Amino acid sequence: MNRRGRSGQILAVSALVIALIMISTATYIYDLSGSISDGEAYMLNDYVQSITLGSKHAVINALANITNGGGNETLRANLDTWSTIVGRQYTFGTLTLNYTLRSTPPYASGLYVNWGTDGNGVSEAYADFVLNANGRELKMQYPFYVNVSTRLQIEGYLTQVSPLTEQVTVVCRLFNEGQPTLAQNVTVFYKDSGVWLIPSAADDYSLSDYGNGTYRATFTLATSATSLDVSVQVFDLRDIFVRTNATLAQQ
């Protein structure tokens, strides 16, 4: 099976600290040795929110690159670059962004990529961060984490149409961070005599999009087999790739 070719080149992380749209209210621990103005406080709050969101973008970009053929070291390289960018943007004093890649099972070097044969596929990255700010009138430590995941679940069955014809039904469900999400594209394969084939070229192939992260593919095959190996490959809207295989049985 082939999937969209991508280079292993590390994705550059843009300087998002000031420009990112703020989407949530950040909470953080701070200790003022003096006082700062309301304007400075608002600006600091914006920094924290921007850095949190920018860190997530850096992890997303790395995971998309890795699952499209890039090397696993891309995650660390992206976060090193992002941490350097963050340190250059601060105006109140010294700012450092430290990170630790999650290493407890099932993660290794911040990654958990498992494209299994049980109908469940996962592409996931996890990093813990600590943002430290030190200035004449400010000391702040803000811990947070980023967990980016794209998970695919598939199931299905065969329905006998005639002694030599089976209708195949494959149901796919896609999730980002545990919530249903839409796919950029969905490609279904089936195995015939040891070769993976794409049924989408068949006249009766149909892929239904229910608009909630659930997709249903149907097609017929000239076969008398009572089971069939299928594989589904998906790119989510963030360009993260995930796939999984399953064996379908006759209903």
C-alpha atoms as a PDB file:
ATOM      1  CA  MET A   1       0.000   0.000   0.000  1.00  0.00           C
ATOM      2  CA  ASN A   2       1.266   3.449  -0.859  1.00  0.00           C
ATOM      3  CA  ARG A   3       0.383   6.666   0.869  1.00  0.00           C
ATOM      4  CA  ARG A   4       1.063  10.241  -0.055  1.00  0.00           C
ATOM      5  CA  GLY A   5       4.816  10.820  -0.252  1.00  0.00           C
ATOM      6  CA  ARG A   6       6.321  13.443   2.023  1.00  0.00           C
ATOM      7  CA  SER A   7       9.896  14.511   2.636  1.00  0.00           C
ATOM      8  CA  GLY A   8      11.482  13.950   6.014  1.00  0.00           C
ATOM      9  CA  GLN A   9      12.546  17.576   6.187  1.00  0.00           C
ATOM     10  CA  ILE A  10      11.853  19.190   9.530  1.00  0.00           C
ATOM     11  CA  LEU A  11       8.950  21.605   9.427  1.00  0.00           C
ATOM     12  CA  ALA A  12       9.957  25.100  10.420  1.00  0.00           C
ATOM     13  CA  VAL A  13       7.988  26.583  13.329  1.00  0.00           C
ATOM     14  CA  SER A  14       6.783  30.128  12.727  1.00  0.00           C
ATOM     15  CA  ALA A  15       7.143  32.846  15.321  1.00  0.00           C
ATOM     16  CA  LEU A  16       3.611  32.584  16.674  1.00  0.00           C
ATOM     17  CA  VAL A  17       4.082  34.248  20.035  1.00  0.00           C
ATOM     18  CA  ILE A  18       2.453  37.586  19.224  1.00  0.00           C
ATOM     19  CA  ALA A  19       0.363  36.793  16.157  1.00  0.00           C
ATOM     20  CA  LEU A  20      -1.677  33.792  17.323  1.00  0.00           C
ATOM     21  CA  ILE A  21      -5.370  34.265  18.036  1.00  0.00           C
ATOM     22  CA  MET A  22      -6.142  33.817  21.722  1.00  0.00           C
ATOM     23  CA  ILE A  23      -8.689  31.050  22.234  1.00  0.00           C
ATOM     24  CA  SER A  24      -8.712  30.475  25.977  1.00  0.00           C
ATOM     25  CA  THR A  25      -7.915  32.157  29.275  1.00  0.00           C
ATOM     26  CA  ALA A  26      -4.601  31.000  30.678  1.00  0.00           C
ATOM     27  CA  THR A  27      -4.109  30.453  34.395  1.00  0.00           C
ATOM     28  CA  TYR A  28      -0.638  30.538  35.829  1.00  0.00           C
ATOM     29  CA  ILE A  29       1.337  30.813  39.052  1.00  0.00           C
ATOM     30  CA  TYR A  30       3.143  34.075  39.593  1.00  0.00           C
ATOM     31  CA  ASP A  31       4.954  35.859  42.409  1.00  0.00           C
ATOM     32  CA  LEU A  32       5.374  39.595  42.176  1.00  0.00           C
ATOM     33  CA  SER A  33       8.307  41.020  44.077  1.00  0.00           C
ATOM     34  CA  GLY A  34       7.078  44.487  43.147  1.00  0.00           C
ATOM     35  CA  SER A  35       4.175  45.430  40.921  1.00  0.00           C
ATOM     36  CA  ILE A  36       3.461  45.611  37.220  1.00  0.00           C
ATOM     37  CA  SER A  37       0.939  47.727  35.391  1.00  0.00           C
ATOM     38  CA  ASP A  38      -2.372  46.440  34.109  1.00  0.00           C
ATOM     39  CA  GLY A  39      -1.053  46.808  30.581  1.00  0.00           C
ATOM     40  CA  GLU A  40       1.973  44.675  31.363  1.00  0.00           C
ATOM     41  CA  ALA A  41      -0.225  42.081  33.056  1.00  0.00           C
ATOM     42  CA  TYR A  42      -2.471  41.826  29.998  1.00  0.00           C
ATOM     43  CA  MET A  43       0.553  41.546  27.750  1.00  0.00           C
ATOM     44  CA  LEU A  44       1.977  38.775  29.935  1.00  0.00           C
ATOM     45  CA  ASN A  45      -1.320  36.932  29.807  1.00  0.00           C
ATOM     46  CA  ASP A  46      -1.246  37.183  26.027  1.00  0.00           C
ATOM     47  CA  TYR A  47       2.294  35.788  25.996  1.00  0.00           C
ATOM     48  CA  VAL A  48       1.274  32.788  28.073  1.00  0.00           C
ATOM     49  CA  GLN A  49      -1.754  32.022  25.923  1.00  0.00           C
ATOM     50  CA  SER A  50       0.239  32.443  22.721  1.00  0.00           C
ATOM     51  CA  ILE A  51       3.045  30.202  23.910  1.00  0.00           C
ATOM     52  CA  THR A  52       0.592  27.488  24.970  1.00  0.00           C
ATOM     53  CA  LEU A  53      -1.146  27.532  21.601  1.00  0.00           C
ATOM     54  CA  GLY A  54       2.136  27.859  19.703  1.00  0.00           C
ATOM     55  CA  SER A  55       3.501  24.814  21.523  1.00  0.00           C
ATOM     56  CA  LYS A  56       0.516  22.797  20.356  1.00  0.00           C
ATOM     57  CA  HIS A  57       1.076  23.935  16.764  1.00  0.00           C
ATOM     58  CA  ALA A  58       4.728  22.883  16.995  1.00  0.00           C
ATOM     59  CA  VAL A  59       3.710  19.391  18.144  1.00  0.00           C
ATOM     60  CA  ILE A  60       1.004  19.118  15.451  1.00  0.00           C
ATOM     61  CA  ASN A  61       3.468  20.112  12.727  1.00  0.00           C
ATOM     62  CA  ALA A  62       5.995  17.568  13.953  1.00  0.00           C
ATOM     63  CA  LEU A  63       3.459  14.731  14.178  1.00  0.00           C
ATOM     64  CA  ALA A  64       2.181  15.484  10.671  1.00  0.00           C
ATOM     65  CA  ASN A  65       5.743  15.377   9.364  1.00  0.00           C
ATOM     66  CA  ILE A  66       6.607  12.146  11.183  1.00  0.00           C
ATOM     67  CA  THR A  67       3.495  10.270  10.081  1.00  0.00           C
ATOM     68  CA  ASN A  68       4.093  11.396   6.503  1.00  0.00           C
ATOM     69  CA  GLY A  69       7.534   9.816   6.373  1.00  0.00           C
ATOM     70  CA  GLY A  70       9.722  12.139   8.437  1.00  0.00           C
ATOM     71  CA  GLY A  71      12.064  10.979  11.166  1.00  0.00           C
ATOM     72  CA  ASN A  72      11.054  10.694  14.825  1.00  0.00           C
ATOM     73  CA  GLU A  73      13.685  13.282  15.734  1.00  0.00           C
ATOM     74  CA  THR A  74      11.467  15.927  14.118  1.00  0.00           C
ATOM     75  CA  LEU A  75       9.467  16.331  17.325  1.00  0.00           C
ATOM     76  CA  ARG A  76      12.512  17.222  19.422  1.00  0.00           C
ATOM     77  CA  ALA A  77      13.948  19.429  16.668  1.00  0.00           C
ATOM     78  CA  ASN A  78      10.674  21.350  16.308  1.00  0.00           C
ATOM     79  CA  LEU A  79      10.399  21.917  20.042  1.00  0.00           C
ATOM     80  CA  ASP A  80      14.034  23.021  20.283  1.00  0.00           C
ATOM     81  CA  THR A  81      13.367  25.580  17.549  1.00  0.00           C
ATOM     82  CA  TRP A  82      10.125  26.701  19.170  1.00  0.00           C
ATOM     83  CA  SER A  83      11.760  27.096  22.600  1.00  0.00           C
ATOM     84  CA  THR A  84      14.466  29.287  21.039  1.00  0.00           C
ATOM     85  CA  ILE A  85      11.854  31.463  19.353  1.00  0.00           C
ATOM     86  CA  VAL A  86       9.948  31.875  22.605  1.00  0.00           C
ATOM     87  CA  GLY A  87      13.065  33.004  24.483  1.00  0.00           C
ATOM     88  CA  ARG A  88      13.728  35.727  21.924  1.00  0.00           C
ATOM     89  CA  GLN A  89      10.272  37.278  22.124  1.00  0.00           C
ATOM     90  CA  TYR A  90      10.031  38.207  25.807  1.00  0.00           C
ATOM     91  CA  THR A  91      10.399  41.853  26.901  1.00  0.00           C
ATOM     92  CA  PHE A  92       9.983  41.685  30.687  1.00  0.00           C
ATOM     93  CA  GLY A  93      13.205  39.807  31.480  1.00  0.00           C
ATOM     94  CA  THR A  94      14.374  36.251  30.931  1.00  0.00           C
ATOM     95  CA  LEU A  95      11.933  33.738  29.503  1.00  0.00           C
ATOM     96  CA  THR A  96      12.636  30.024  29.096  1.00  0.00           C
ATOM     97  CA  LEU A  97      10.427  27.254  27.772  1.00  0.00           C
ATOM     98  CA  ASN A  98      11.574  23.803  28.827  1.00  0.00           C
ATOM     99  CA  TYR A  99       9.980  20.582  27.649  1.00  0.00           C
ATOM    100  CA  THR A 100      10.131  16.880  28.407  1.00  0.00           C
ATOM    101  CA  LEU A 101       8.981  14.276  25.915  1.00  0.00           C
ATOM    102  CA  ARG A 102       6.691  11.718  27.540  1.00  0.00           C
ATOM    103  CA  SER A 103       8.549   8.421  27.947  1.00  0.00           C
ATOM    104  CA  THR A 104       6.184   6.277  30.008  1.00  0.00           C
ATOM    105  CA  PRO A 105       4.553   3.419  28.067  1.00  0.00           C
ATOM    106  CA  PRO A 106       3.076   3.468  25.502  1.00  0.00           C
ATOM    107  CA  TYR A 107       5.092   6.596  24.635  1.00  0.00           C
ATOM    108  CA  ALA A 108       8.708   6.592  23.485  1.00  0.00           C
ATOM    109  CA  SER A 109      10.466   9.939  22.967  1.00  0.00           C
ATOM    110  CA  GLY A 110       7.072  11.625  23.116  1.00  0.00           C
ATOM    111  CA  LEU A 111       5.522   9.469  20.390  1.00  0.00           C
ATOM    112  CA  TYR A 112       2.947   6.715  20.281  1.00  0.00           C
ATOM    113  CA  VAL A 113       2.316   5.503  16.731  1.00  0.00           C
ATOM    114  CA  ASN A 114       0.520   2.175  16.457  1.00  0.00           C
ATOM    115  CA  TRP A 115      -1.084   1.244  13.157  1.00  0.00           C
ATOM    116  CA  GLY A 116      -2.325  -2.157  14.219  1.00  0.00           C
ATOM    117  CA  THR A 117      -4.396  -4.963  12.750  1.00  0.00           C
ATOM    118  CA  ASP A 118      -7.190  -4.921  15.341  1.00  0.00           C
ATOM    119  CA  GLY A 119      -9.212  -2.075  13.833  1.00  0.00           C
ATOM    120  CA  ASN A 120      -7.541   0.620  15.957  1.00  0.00           C
ATOM    121  CA  GLY A 121      -4.861   3.002  14.727  1.00  0.00           C
ATOM    122  CA  VAL A 122      -3.222   5.849  16.616  1.00  0.00           C
ATOM    123  CA  SER A 123      -0.792   8.651  15.804  1.00  0.00           C
ATOM    124  CA  GLU A 124      -0.013  10.589  18.973  1.00  0.00           C
ATOM    125  CA  ALA A 125       2.571  12.937  20.484  1.00  0.00           C
ATOM    126  CA  TYR A 126       2.883  14.087  24.105  1.00  0.00           C
ATOM    127  CA  ALA A 127       5.162  16.678  25.691  1.00  0.00           C
ATOM    128  CA  ASP A 128       5.234  18.312  29.130  1.00  0.00           C
ATOM    129  CA  PHE A 129       6.290  21.977  29.294  1.00  0.00           C
ATOM    130  CA  VAL A 130       7.357  24.464  31.937  1.00  0.00           C
ATOM    131  CA  LEU A 131       7.381  28.159  31.084  1.00  0.00           C
ATOM    132  CA  ASN A 132       9.598  30.251  33.379  1.00  0.00           C
ATOM    133  CA  ALA A 133       9.731  34.049  33.412  1.00  0.00           C
ATOM    134  CA  ASN A 134      12.156  36.036  35.548  1.00  0.00           C
ATOM    135  CA  GLY A 135      12.367  39.793  35.647  1.00  0.00           C
ATOM    136  CA  ARG A 136      13.005  42.657  38.039  1.00  0.00           C
ATOM    137  CA  GLU A 137       9.415  42.648  39.257  1.00  0.00           C
ATOM    138  CA  LEU A 138       8.186  39.248  38.182  1.00  0.00           C
ATOM    139  CA  LYS A 139       8.784  35.561  38.727  1.00  0.00           C
ATOM    140  CA  MET A 140       6.463  33.120  37.052  1.00  0.00           C
ATOM    141  CA  GLN A 141       6.360  29.365  36.537  1.00  0.00           C
ATOM    142  CA  TYR A 142       3.630  27.898  34.370  1.00  0.00           C
ATOM    143  CA  PRO A 143       3.540  24.129  33.749  1.00  0.00           C
ATOM    144  CA  PHE A 144       1.348  22.731  30.977  1.00  0.00           C
ATOM    145  CA  TYR A 145       1.242  19.788  28.600  1.00  0.00           C
ATOM    146  CA  VAL A 146       0.387  19.195  24.959  1.00  0.00           C
ATOM    147  CA  ASN A 147      -1.160  15.915  23.852  1.00  0.00           C
ATOM    148  CA  VAL A 148      -1.978  15.701  20.146  1.00  0.00           C
ATOM    149  CA  SER A 149      -3.692  12.541  18.964  1.00  0.00           C
ATOM    150  CA  THR A 150      -5.362  11.256  15.828  1.00  0.00           C
ATOM    151  CA  ARG A 151      -7.134   7.942  16.334  1.00  0.00           C
ATOM    152  CA  LEU A 152      -8.926   5.761  13.809  1.00  0.00           C
ATOM    153  CA  GLN A 153     -11.378   2.962  14.562  1.00  0.00           C
ATOM    154  CA  ILE A 154     -12.774   0.671  11.880  1.00  0.00           C
ATOM    155  CA  GLU A 155     -15.223  -2.190  11.867  1.00  0.00           C
ATOM    156  CA  GLY A 156     -17.369  -3.914   9.281  1.00  0.00           C
ATOM    157  CA  TYR A 157     -18.794  -7.077   7.846  1.00  0.00           C
ATOM    158  CA  LEU A 158     -19.512  -9.072   4.703  1.00  0.00           C
ATOM    159  CA  THR A 159     -23.016  -9.704   3.402  1.00  0.00           C
ATOM    160  CA  GLN A 160     -23.594 -12.486   0.896  1.00  0.00           C
ATOM    161  CA  VAL A 161     -25.364 -11.174  -2.189  1.00  0.00           C
ATOM    162  CA  SER A 162     -25.085 -14.435  -4.164  1.00  0.00           C
ATOM    163  CA  PRO A 163     -23.013 -17.623  -3.831  1.00  0.00           C
ATOM    164  CA  LEU A 164     -20.085 -15.872  -5.538  1.00  0.00           C
ATOM    165  CA  THR A 165     -20.662 -12.241  -4.503  1.00  0.00           C
ATOM    166  CA  GLU A 166     -20.118 -10.473  -1.179  1.00  0.00           C
ATOM    167  CA  GLN A 167     -21.010  -6.925  -0.246  1.00  0.00           C
ATOM    168  CA  VAL A 168     -18.342  -5.325   1.957  1.00  0.00           C
ATOM    169  CA  THR A 169     -19.248  -2.687   4.561  1.00  0.00           C
ATOM    170  CA  VAL A 170     -16.524  -0.741   6.398  1.00  0.00           C
ATOM    171  CA  VAL A 171     -17.369   1.856   9.053  1.00  0.00           C
ATOM    172  CA  CYS A 172     -14.610   4.312  10.040  1.00  0.00           C
ATOM    173  CA  ARG A 173     -14.548   6.691  13.021  1.00  0.00           C
ATOM    174  CA  LEU A 174     -11.915   9.414  13.389  1.00  0.00           C
ATOM    175  CA  PHE A 175     -10.960  11.310  16.552  1.00  0.00           C
ATOM    176  CA  ASN A 176      -8.692  14.244  17.456  1.00  0.00           C
ATOM    177  CA  GLU A 177      -7.810  14.401  21.158  1.00  0.00           C
ATOM    178  CA  GLY A 178     -10.666  12.010  21.867  1.00  0.00           C
ATOM    179  CA  GLN A 179     -13.308  14.086  20.062  1.00  0.00           C
ATOM    180  CA  PRO A 180     -14.930  13.143  16.729  1.00  0.00           C
ATOM    181  CA  THR A 181     -13.320  15.016  13.854  1.00  0.00           C
ATOM    182  CA  LEU A 182     -13.475  15.255  10.075  1.00  0.00           C
ATOM    183  CA  ALA A 183     -11.051  13.629   7.676  1.00  0.00           C
ATOM    184  CA  GLN A 184      -9.224  15.276   4.809  1.00  0.00           C
ATOM    185  CA  ASN A 185      -9.573  12.010   2.905  1.00  0.00           C
ATOM    186  CA  VAL A 186     -10.318   8.338   3.551  1.00  0.00           C
ATOM    187  CA  THR A 187      -8.877   5.505   1.445  1.00  0.00           C
ATOM    188  CA  VAL A 188     -10.078   1.915   1.803  1.00  0.00           C
ATOM    189  CA  PHE A 189      -8.065  -1.135   0.695  1.00  0.00           C
ATOM    190  CA  TYR A 190      -8.832  -4.846   0.633  1.00  0.00           C
ATOM    191  CA  LYS A 191      -6.504  -7.812   0.307  1.00  0.00           C
ATOM    192  CA  ASP A 192      -6.805 -10.234  -2.584  1.00  0.00           C
ATOM    193  CA  SER A 193      -4.290 -13.074  -3.064  1.00  0.00           C
ATOM    194  CA  GLY A 194      -1.750 -11.243  -0.902  1.00  0.00           C
ATOM    195  CA  VAL A 195      -2.084  -7.944  -2.810  1.00  0.00           C
ATOM    196  CA  TRP A 196      -3.694  -4.783  -1.431  1.00  0.00           C
ATOM    197  CA  LEU A 197      -6.204  -3.276  -3.856  1.00  0.00           C
ATOM    198  CA  ILE A 198      -8.314  -0.117  -3.827  1.00  0.00           C
ATOM    199  CA  PRO A 199     -12.030  -0.734  -4.400  1.00  0.00           C
ATOM    200  CA  SER A 200     -12.805   2.913  -5.137  1.00  0.00           C
ATOM    201  CA  ALA A 201     -12.338   2.207  -8.856  1.00  0.00           C
ATOM    202  CA  ALA A 202     -15.339  -0.137  -8.826  1.00  0.00           C
ATOM    203  CA  ASP A 203     -18.616   1.199 -10.176  1.00  0.00           C
ATOM    204  CA  ASP A 204     -20.527   0.374  -7.005  1.00  0.00           C
ATOM    205  CA  TYR A 205     -18.014   1.790  -4.507  1.00  0.00           C
ATOM    206  CA  SER A 206     -19.636   4.294  -2.161  1.00  0.00           C
ATOM    207  CA  LEU A 207     -18.192   6.360   0.679  1.00  0.00           C
ATOM    208  CA  SER A 208     -20.721   8.139   2.895  1.00  0.00           C
ATOM    209  CA  ASP A 209     -19.637  11.037   5.108  1.00  0.00           C
ATOM    210  CA  TYR A 210     -21.954  11.540   8.077  1.00  0.00           C
ATOM    211  CA  GLY A 211     -20.364  14.881   8.981  1.00  0.00           C
ATOM    212  CA  ASN A 212     -19.409  13.807  12.499  1.00  0.00           C
ATOM    213  CA  GLY A 213     -16.175  11.903  11.933  1.00  0.00           C
ATOM    214  CA  THR A 214     -17.971   8.712  10.848  1.00  0.00           C
ATOM    215  CA  TYR A 215     -17.556   7.331   7.319  1.00  0.00           C
ATOM    216  CA  ARG A 216     -19.157   4.278   5.746  1.00  0.00           C
ATOM    217  CA  ALA A 217     -17.703   2.546   2.679  1.00  0.00           C
ATOM    218  CA  THR A 218     -19.524  -0.161   0.729  1.00  0.00           C
ATOM    219  CA  PHE A 219     -18.580  -2.184  -2.334  1.00  0.00           C
ATOM    220  CA  THR A 220     -19.110  -5.672  -3.772  1.00  0.00           C
ATOM    221  CA  LEU A 221     -16.556  -8.339  -4.601  1.00  0.00           C
ATOM    222  CA  ALA A 222     -16.753 -11.458  -6.713  1.00  0.00           C
ATOM    223  CA  THR A 223     -15.698 -13.919  -4.047  1.00  0.00           C
ATOM    224  CA  SER A 224     -16.976 -16.850  -2.050  1.00  0.00           C
ATOM    225  CA  ALA A 225     -14.734 -16.061   0.941  1.00  0.00           C
ATOM    226  CA  THR A 226     -16.371 -15.638   4.321  1.00  0.00           C
ATOM    227  CA  SER A 227     -13.717 -13.226   5.648  1.00  0.00           C
ATOM    228  CA  LEU A 228     -11.740 -10.334   4.191  1.00  0.00           C
ATOM    229  CA  ASP A 229      -8.710  -8.295   5.295  1.00  0.00           C
ATOM    230  CA  VAL A 230      -9.236  -4.555   4.884  1.00  0.00           C
ATOM    231  CA  SER A 231      -7.120  -1.503   5.609  1.00  0.00           C
ATOM    232  CA  VAL A 232      -8.127   2.150   5.943  1.00  0.00           C
ATOM    233  CA  GLN A 233      -5.771   5.108   5.569  1.00  0.00           C
ATOM    234  CA  VAL A 234      -6.809   8.589   6.702  1.00  0.00           C
ATOM    235  CA  PHE A 235      -5.372  12.099   6.739  1.00  0.00           C
ATOM    236  CA  ASP A 236      -7.078  14.377   9.245  1.00  0.00           C
ATOM    237  CA  LEU A 237      -7.555  18.095   8.607  1.00  0.00           C
ATOM    238  CA  ARG A 238      -4.183  18.794  10.268  1.00  0.00           C
ATOM    239  CA  ASP A 239      -2.451  16.514   7.715  1.00  0.00           C
ATOM    240  CA  ILE A 240      -1.694  13.879  10.365  1.00  0.00           C
ATOM    241  CA  PHE A 241      -1.756  10.380   8.880  1.00  0.00           C
ATOM    242  CA  VAL A 242      -3.164   7.280  10.562  1.00  0.00           C
ATOM    243  CA  ARG A 243      -4.136   3.826   9.357  1.00  0.00           C
ATOM    244  CA  THR A 244      -5.283   0.461  10.664  1.00  0.00           C
ATOM    245  CA  ASN A 245      -6.214  -3.001   9.400  1.00  0.00           C
ATOM    246  CA  ALA A 246      -9.002  -5.375  10.360  1.00  0.00           C
ATOM    247  CA  THR A 247     -10.409  -8.721   9.315  1.00  0.00           C
ATOM    248  CA  LEU A 248     -14.111  -8.667   8.428  1.00  0.00           C
ATOM    249  CA  ALA A 249     -16.347 -11.707   8.821  1.00  0.00           C
ATOM    250  CA  GLN A 250     -19.537 -12.640   7.064  1.00  0.00           C
ATOM    251  CA  GLN A 251     -22.603 -11.329   8.836  1.00  0.00           C
END
